[in-house]
Amino acid sequence: MEQTQAQQRLKEAAEEGDINGLYSCIKEDPHILDGIDDIPFVDSPLHTAASVGHTHFALEMMNLKPSFTEKLNPEGLTPLDLALRNGYLITVRRLVNFDKELIRVKGREMLTPLHHVAEKGHTDLLAEFLCACPESIMDLTIRDETAVHIAVKNFQLQAFKVLLGWLRRTQRLHVLNRDDDEGNSVLHIAVSTLQPQIVKLLVKESYTKKNKNTKNLEGLTARDMAARLDPSAAKTQIEKILRQAGALKSPSLAGSSDSSLSTKLSLADFLRSPERLLEKTVKIYNQSGKLTKEVWNATLVVAVLVATSTFQAILNPPGGVNRDNNNQLTNNINATISTASTTNTNHFNISIFTHPTNTTNNPLYYFTYTKLFFQLYYYNTICFLFSIATIMAALPFRLSSVPLFCSLWFMIISYGCSFKLISPSPSNSDLTTFLLGLFVQFGQSVLVLSPYIRLIFGVLKYICTSAFRLQRKRLKMLQLCLEGVHPKKSY
């Protein structure tokens, strides 16, 4: 009975936001919070405080019992869910600042707070949640819906624009092509719910363009779903948008090279078929991508050491530098001159340089030195270029990394210039410098012509449509196997 009264007083303290009352209850029964935590589904004091907007009490409770933040009440709601549903946005923001992972806690029907704000159209909170916890965009409900699906299903145009802008800026547009449990993509849903504005925005995106003719589990494309709609102005507008975007109906897909689904490929068919060379290459690349951060750091350190030592070797080759130029002073005599007096003795170290006496008159010596020098140069250059390539591969390809990539290219150029200056035979160094220049120009051309490379690959893909389509299906199946994802349909 006394235990029940203590819990009642704790509940009243939570309803009033009385932190002193909380500690009075703890003083009476130090295990009172543990008893509540042992109940699987319960309205904890944190649930009560969050539901009425007592922010300070809620934060104090989170500090004492962090496990309450992920606990569900009998209705399947978390404390953050209750604060959201009751409109206490200040409490919501403070709770999220305390622990950003609360955005991903799944409640009833596996709905997260991100799903809720997308459903209700709270654009400010939606943007804050996405920036605070980017991975929350991948959370799915029991219907395999993302926050994008939910925003479109609930006619939240502004919330969809926020999601689309964030996906575009964070390079996560592939989320648009995720299917729900009925195989419907966001484009399918936008068409079936008569939302031409969203359809128009979707067909402009590159990821949606590539998959504008995908079918759901009923075998319908977006164009098929548009044809089934009741006559209206919105239907006419949607059909016009899809037709201009090149979307096709299912009967047209059978003979169309634009469809990625004209030939079904089930997972069983894929596993029964022989493994191809391209698939083996993808596996190797996939394994390299799973290297730990420590391994990548160690690889980068070794590559930097190799690049440093090889660059230093070309500046100071073993044995010094000899040239066939008579103006170059290479031989030297070291001498020490001492002067003595009654008071002190002085010592001077002097290096006297003379013209070479044997290197220009001894063809055998000159030929041997030149040959060994160029052997050193070629082997040294191979190590140097491989180390630079490794450094480039280890660096993340981002806008902030562009100055580093440029610095590495200029480093390669300076390497070639250094060799030309110290080469024992300027005539022989011209060829090597020319080849090194070709390597540098090739790299620069790749950077400059990168926008056109995509166009060239597009043309090749168009020419070899059938082969590429089959390979794309097989690679998609391989990726599903590597990631352990169960495919919902044939590809």
Foldseek 3Di string as FASTA:
>chain_A
DVLVVLVVQLLVCLLVVPPVSNVVSCVVPVCNQVVQVVDQAACDSLLNNLLNQSQVSNVVVCVVPVVLQLGHHPVFDGSLRNNVVNVNVVSNVSVCVVPVCQQCRATPQGDGVLLVCLLVQVQVVNLVNCVSDVVSQCRAGNQRDGSLLNNLLNVNPSNNVSVVVVCVVVVNCLQQCGATNQQDGSLLSNLLVLPLVVNLVQLVDPNCLLVQADATPVRWGSLRSLVPDDDDPSSVSNNVSCVVSVYDTRVVVCPDLSDLPNDWDDLVNLVVDDDDPVLVVVVVVVVVVPDDPVVLVVLLVVLVVLLVVLLVCLLAPPPGFAALDQVDFDDWDWDWDWDDDPPDIDIDIDIGTDGDDDCNVPVVNVVVVLVVVVVSVVVSVVSNVVSLVSNVVSDDPDPVCVVVNVVSLVVLLVSLVSNCVRRRDNVVSVVVSVVSVVVSVVVVCCVVCVVVVVVVVVVVCVVVSVVVSVVVQSNVSSVCVVVVHDDPGTD
